[in-house]
Amino acid sequence: MPFSPDDLFARLDALGIETTTVEHPPLFTVAESQALRGKIAGGHSKNLFLKDKKHQVWLVVAEEDAEIDLKRLHARIGSARLSFGKPDLLEALLGVQPGSVTPFGAINDRDGRVIVVLDAALMAHDLLNFHPLTNAATTTIRRDDLIAFLKDCGHEPRIVAVSGTDAAAD
């Protein structure tokens, strides 16, 4: 059984990580999120669950409006060619459904199969916002606390410029 949002919040609390969470109707796209979230401070994300040709699984976390060239992303992150991961693999590894993809899903990847890549532009924000394993809420966490959480889950995140002019320079 994957961890629930309550399990996630208990883990964050045990780590001494403070968060705030706003509940809202389920959101499935960045556009829906932008229209309904209100005034939640900090960076907002889009999360790409990807699998490369060598069967390595990747979670790329970027700013919600970041332009990411999927045909060239592999060169930025050091992977083989990428495609989107299937929903059953997403659920098996991160314990979430499409529309709820989040770096908090690392709590469910007990075998460390997913490589987490955080876009450098997103990491410029002190506060970051993600779904807490459900798309019916948004949780705000400090950037450094997100990194501490990921490390506690056994995921050393890679911080890479996957969007913007640095990424386009490849």
C-alpha atoms as a PDB file:
ATOM      1  CA  MET A   1       0.000   0.000   0.000  1.00  0.00           C
ATOM      2  CA  PRO A   2       1.342   3.437  -0.864  1.00  0.00           C
ATOM      3  CA  PHE A   3       1.635   6.100   1.786  1.00  0.00           C
ATOM      4  CA  SER A   4      -1.362   8.408   2.190  1.00  0.00           C
ATOM      5  CA  PRO A   5      -1.303  12.198   2.535  1.00  0.00           C
ATOM      6  CA  ASP A   6      -1.677  11.726   6.315  1.00  0.00           C
ATOM      7  CA  ASP A   7       1.371   9.432   6.298  1.00  0.00           C
ATOM      8  CA  LEU A   8       3.270  12.072   4.310  1.00  0.00           C
ATOM      9  CA  PHE A   9       2.382  14.817   6.785  1.00  0.00           C
ATOM     10  CA  ALA A  10       3.402  12.585   9.706  1.00  0.00           C
ATOM     11  CA  ARG A  11       6.778  11.931   8.043  1.00  0.00           C
ATOM     12  CA  LEU A  12       7.346  15.635   7.392  1.00  0.00           C
ATOM     13  CA  ASP A  13       6.378  16.401  10.991  1.00  0.00           C
ATOM     14  CA  ALA A  14       8.775  13.721  12.293  1.00  0.00           C
ATOM     15  CA  LEU A  15      11.543  15.411  10.285  1.00  0.00           C
ATOM     16  CA  GLY A  16      10.679  18.774  11.851  1.00  0.00           C
ATOM     17  CA  ILE A  17       9.570  20.149   8.477  1.00  0.00           C
ATOM     18  CA  GLU A  18       6.843  22.775   8.595  1.00  0.00           C
ATOM     19  CA  THR A  19       4.357  22.929   5.749  1.00  0.00           C
ATOM     20  CA  THR A  20       1.022  24.564   5.051  1.00  0.00           C
ATOM     21  CA  THR A  21      -1.680  22.883   3.025  1.00  0.00           C
ATOM     22  CA  VAL A  22      -4.672  24.328   1.200  1.00  0.00           C
ATOM     23  CA  GLU A  23      -7.466  21.977   0.161  1.00  0.00           C
ATOM     24  CA  HIS A  24      -9.280  22.634  -3.126  1.00  0.00           C
ATOM     25  CA  PRO A  25     -11.247  20.753  -5.777  1.00  0.00           C
ATOM     26  CA  PRO A  26      -9.145  18.175  -7.636  1.00  0.00           C
ATOM     27  CA  LEU A  27      -6.887  19.815 -10.227  1.00  0.00           C
ATOM     28  CA  PHE A  28      -5.560  17.918 -13.230  1.00  0.00           C
ATOM     29  CA  THR A  29      -3.630  20.519 -15.214  1.00  0.00           C
ATOM     30  CA  VAL A  30      -1.404  23.513 -14.601  1.00  0.00           C
ATOM     31  CA  ALA A  31      -4.104  25.730 -16.154  1.00  0.00           C
ATOM     32  CA  GLU A  32      -6.723  24.473 -13.680  1.00  0.00           C
ATOM     33  CA  SER A  33      -4.265  24.983 -10.862  1.00  0.00           C
ATOM     34  CA  GLN A  34      -3.540  28.554 -11.911  1.00  0.00           C
ATOM     35  CA  ALA A  35      -7.251  29.361 -12.094  1.00  0.00           C
ATOM     36  CA  LEU A  36      -8.257  27.857  -8.739  1.00  0.00           C
ATOM     37  CA  ARG A  37      -5.344  28.046  -6.357  1.00  0.00           C
ATOM     38  CA  GLY A  38      -5.786  31.630  -5.166  1.00  0.00           C
ATOM     39  CA  LYS A  39      -2.835  33.425  -3.680  1.00  0.00           C
ATOM     40  CA  ILE A  40      -0.515  30.645  -2.555  1.00  0.00           C
ATOM     41  CA  ALA A  41       2.974  32.145  -2.315  1.00  0.00           C
ATOM     42  CA  GLY A  42       6.043  30.523  -3.809  1.00  0.00           C
ATOM     43  CA  GLY A  43       6.997  28.572  -6.897  1.00  0.00           C
ATOM     44  CA  HIS A  44       4.382  26.333  -8.467  1.00  0.00           C
ATOM     45  CA  SER A  45       5.387  23.277 -10.415  1.00  0.00           C
ATOM     46  CA  LYS A  46       4.715  20.892 -13.198  1.00  0.00           C
ATOM     47  CA  ASN A  47       6.002  17.377 -12.710  1.00  0.00           C
ATOM     48  CA  LEU A  48       6.992  15.093 -15.558  1.00  0.00           C
ATOM     49  CA  PHE A  49       7.076  11.349 -14.915  1.00  0.00           C
ATOM     50  CA  LEU A  50       9.381   9.947 -17.587  1.00  0.00           C
ATOM     51  CA  LYS A  51      11.056   6.700 -18.562  1.00  0.00           C
ATOM     52  CA  ASP A  52      14.100   6.452 -20.772  1.00  0.00           C
ATOM     53  CA  LYS A  53      15.008   3.869 -23.400  1.00  0.00           C
ATOM     54  CA  LYS A  54      17.183   2.043 -20.857  1.00  0.00           C
ATOM     55  CA  HIS A  55      14.180   1.692 -18.502  1.00  0.00           C
ATOM     56  CA  GLN A  56      15.459   4.264 -15.981  1.00  0.00           C
ATOM     57  CA  VAL A  57      12.593   6.257 -14.475  1.00  0.00           C
ATOM     58  CA  TRP A  58      12.814  10.028 -13.974  1.00  0.00           C
ATOM     59  CA  LEU A  59      10.752  12.657 -12.183  1.00  0.00           C
ATOM     60  CA  VAL A  60      11.484  16.109 -13.580  1.00  0.00           C
ATOM     61  CA  VAL A  61      10.114  18.930 -11.427  1.00  0.00           C
ATOM     62  CA  ALA A  62      10.027  22.390 -13.013  1.00  0.00           C
ATOM     63  CA  GLU A  63       8.205  25.702 -12.735  1.00  0.00           C
ATOM     64  CA  GLU A  64       4.617  25.476 -13.906  1.00  0.00           C
ATOM     65  CA  ASP A  65       5.231  27.643 -16.967  1.00  0.00           C
ATOM     66  CA  ALA A  66       8.672  26.269 -17.845  1.00  0.00           C
ATOM     67  CA  GLU A  67       9.263  25.381 -21.467  1.00  0.00           C
ATOM     68  CA  ILE A  68      10.945  22.008 -21.606  1.00  0.00           C
ATOM     69  CA  ASP A  69      12.055  20.481 -24.894  1.00  0.00           C
ATOM     70  CA  LEU A  70      11.368  16.778 -24.363  1.00  0.00           C
ATOM     71  CA  LYS A  71      13.383  15.877 -27.452  1.00  0.00           C
ATOM     72  CA  ARG A  72      16.493  17.448 -25.912  1.00  0.00           C
ATOM     73  CA  LEU A  73      15.822  16.918 -22.207  1.00  0.00           C
ATOM     74  CA  HIS A  74      17.821  13.681 -22.153  1.00  0.00           C
ATOM     75  CA  ALA A  75      20.988  15.662 -22.928  1.00  0.00           C
ATOM     76  CA  ARG A  76      20.317  18.012 -20.000  1.00  0.00           C
ATOM     77  CA  ILE A  77      19.766  15.272 -17.416  1.00  0.00           C
ATOM     78  CA  GLY A  78      22.152  12.619 -18.727  1.00  0.00           C
ATOM     79  CA  SER A  79      19.597  10.022 -19.708  1.00  0.00           C
ATOM     80  CA  ALA A  80      18.752   7.982 -22.756  1.00  0.00           C
ATOM     81  CA  ARG A  81      15.865   9.246 -24.927  1.00  0.00           C
ATOM     82  CA  LEU A  82      12.758   9.923 -22.860  1.00  0.00           C
ATOM     83  CA  SER A  83       9.043   9.251 -23.091  1.00  0.00           C
ATOM     84  CA  PHE A  84       6.225   9.637 -20.587  1.00  0.00           C
ATOM     85  CA  GLY A  85       5.882   6.856 -18.041  1.00  0.00           C
ATOM     86  CA  LYS A  86       2.679   4.845 -18.044  1.00  0.00           C
ATOM     87  CA  PRO A  87       0.046   5.435 -15.324  1.00  0.00           C
ATOM     88  CA  ASP A  88       0.471   1.933 -13.856  1.00  0.00           C
ATOM     89  CA  LEU A  89       4.212   2.511 -13.417  1.00  0.00           C
ATOM     90  CA  LEU A  90       3.521   5.924 -11.867  1.00  0.00           C
ATOM     91  CA  GLU A  91       1.160   4.355  -9.359  1.00  0.00           C
ATOM     92  CA  ALA A  92       3.529   1.457  -8.630  1.00  0.00           C
ATOM     93  CA  LEU A  93       6.565   3.673  -8.012  1.00  0.00           C
ATOM     94  CA  LEU A  94       5.234   6.988  -6.664  1.00  0.00           C
ATOM     95  CA  GLY A  95       1.845   5.843  -5.371  1.00  0.00           C
ATOM     96  CA  VAL A  96      -0.101   8.557  -7.210  1.00  0.00           C
ATOM     97  CA  GLN A  97      -2.477   8.884 -10.138  1.00  0.00           C
ATOM     98  CA  PRO A  98      -1.909  11.095 -13.203  1.00  0.00           C
ATOM     99  CA  GLY A  99      -2.726  14.667 -12.196  1.00  0.00           C
ATOM    100  CA  SER A 100      -1.208  14.148  -8.747  1.00  0.00           C
ATOM    101  CA  VAL A 101       2.449  13.722  -9.733  1.00  0.00           C
ATOM    102  CA  THR A 102       4.653  15.274  -7.072  1.00  0.00           C
ATOM    103  CA  PRO A 103       8.144  15.004  -5.610  1.00  0.00           C
ATOM    104  CA  PHE A 104       6.403  13.986  -2.377  1.00  0.00           C
ATOM    105  CA  GLY A 105       5.796  10.682  -4.179  1.00  0.00           C
ATOM    106  CA  ALA A 106       9.427   9.816  -3.393  1.00  0.00           C
ATOM    107  CA  ILE A 107       8.093   8.591  -0.050  1.00  0.00           C
ATOM    108  CA  ASN A 108       6.553   5.653  -1.944  1.00  0.00           C
ATOM    109  CA  ASP A 109       9.625   4.797  -4.043  1.00  0.00           C
ATOM    110  CA  ARG A 110      11.163   2.536  -1.426  1.00  0.00           C
ATOM    111  CA  ASP A 111      13.505   0.874  -3.937  1.00  0.00           C
ATOM    112  CA  GLY A 112      14.923   4.156  -5.255  1.00  0.00           C
ATOM    113  CA  ARG A 113      13.993   3.466  -8.883  1.00  0.00           C
ATOM    114  CA  VAL A 114      13.119   7.088  -9.671  1.00  0.00           C
ATOM    115  CA  ILE A 115      15.778   9.741 -10.235  1.00  0.00           C
ATOM    116  CA  VAL A 116      14.462  13.123  -9.102  1.00  0.00           C
ATOM    117  CA  VAL A 117      15.553  16.150 -11.128  1.00  0.00           C
ATOM    118  CA  LEU A 118      14.716  19.617  -9.807  1.00  0.00           C
ATOM    119  CA  ASP A 119      14.877  22.460 -12.310  1.00  0.00           C
ATOM    120  CA  ALA A 120      17.343  25.146 -11.232  1.00  0.00           C
ATOM    121  CA  ALA A 121      14.818  27.902 -12.030  1.00  0.00           C
ATOM    122  CA  LEU A 122      12.252  26.381  -9.659  1.00  0.00           C
ATOM    123  CA  MET A 123      14.876  26.038  -6.948  1.00  0.00           C
ATOM    124  CA  ALA A 124      15.406  29.815  -7.004  1.00  0.00           C
ATOM    125  CA  HIS A 125      12.175  30.078  -4.955  1.00  0.00           C
ATOM    126  CA  ASP A 126      12.395  29.763  -1.179  1.00  0.00           C
ATOM    127  CA  LEU A 127       8.845  28.383  -0.998  1.00  0.00           C
ATOM    128  CA  LEU A 128       7.652  25.594  -3.295  1.00  0.00           C
ATOM    129  CA  ASN A 129       4.183  24.126  -3.832  1.00  0.00           C
ATOM    130  CA  PHE A 130       3.226  20.554  -4.659  1.00  0.00           C
ATOM    131  CA  HIS A 131       0.277  18.200  -4.385  1.00  0.00           C
ATOM    132  CA  PRO A 132       0.566  16.121  -1.192  1.00  0.00           C
ATOM    133  CA  LEU A 133      -0.034  12.773  -3.001  1.00  0.00           C
ATOM    134  CA  THR A 134      -3.497  14.010  -4.014  1.00  0.00           C
ATOM    135  CA  ASN A 135      -4.533  16.685  -6.474  1.00  0.00           C
ATOM    136  CA  ALA A 136      -7.218  17.922  -4.075  1.00  0.00           C
ATOM    137  CA  ALA A 137      -4.712  19.970  -2.068  1.00  0.00           C
ATOM    138  CA  THR A 138      -1.525  22.012  -2.418  1.00  0.00           C
ATOM    139  CA  THR A 139       1.245  21.902   0.177  1.00  0.00           C
ATOM    140  CA  THR A 140       3.841  24.641   0.582  1.00  0.00           C
ATOM    141  CA  ILE A 141       7.324  23.630   1.726  1.00  0.00           C
ATOM    142  CA  ARG A 142      10.626  25.473   1.979  1.00  0.00           C
ATOM    143  CA  ARG A 143      13.137  24.603  -0.765  1.00  0.00           C
ATOM    144  CA  ASP A 144      15.764  23.303   1.658  1.00  0.00           C
ATOM    145  CA  ASP A 145      13.162  21.223   3.488  1.00  0.00           C
ATOM    146  CA  LEU A 146      12.114  19.598   0.207  1.00  0.00           C
ATOM    147  CA  ILE A 147      15.715  18.570  -0.395  1.00  0.00           C
ATOM    148  CA  ALA A 148      15.985  17.230   3.178  1.00  0.00           C
ATOM    149  CA  PHE A 149      12.757  15.254   2.697  1.00  0.00           C
ATOM    150  CA  LEU A 150      13.933  13.758  -0.594  1.00  0.00           C
ATOM    151  CA  LYS A 151      17.260  12.737   0.944  1.00  0.00           C
ATOM    152  CA  ASP A 152      15.430  11.157   3.901  1.00  0.00           C
ATOM    153  CA  CYS A 153      13.451   9.113   1.355  1.00  0.00           C
ATOM    154  CA  GLY A 154      16.723   7.922  -0.205  1.00  0.00           C
ATOM    155  CA  HIS A 155      16.645  10.274  -3.200  1.00  0.00           C
ATOM    156  CA  GLU A 156      19.573  12.607  -3.777  1.00  0.00           C
ATOM    157  CA  PRO A 157      17.926  15.154  -6.069  1.00  0.00           C
ATOM    158  CA  ARG A 158      19.795  16.484  -9.070  1.00  0.00           C
ATOM    159  CA  ILE A 159      19.446  20.231  -9.594  1.00  0.00           C
ATOM    160  CA  VAL A 160      19.743  20.919 -13.314  1.00  0.00           C
ATOM    161  CA  ALA A 161      18.695  23.750 -15.637  1.00  0.00           C
ATOM    162  CA  VAL A 162      16.107  21.848 -17.652  1.00  0.00           C
ATOM    163  CA  SER A 163      14.219  24.946 -18.822  1.00  0.00           C
ATOM    164  CA  GLY A 164      15.039  28.442 -19.954  1.00  0.00           C
ATOM    165  CA  THR A 165      17.965  29.786 -21.938  1.00  0.00           C
ATOM    166  CA  ASP A 166      20.566  27.568 -20.251  1.00  0.00           C
ATOM    167  CA  ALA A 167      18.633  24.482 -21.340  1.00  0.00           C
ATOM    168  CA  ALA A 168      18.109  25.828 -24.829  1.00  0.00           C
ATOM    169  CA  ALA A 169      21.876  26.305 -25.288  1.00  0.00           C
ATOM    170  CA  ASP A 170      22.551  22.551 -25.639  1.00  0.00           C
END
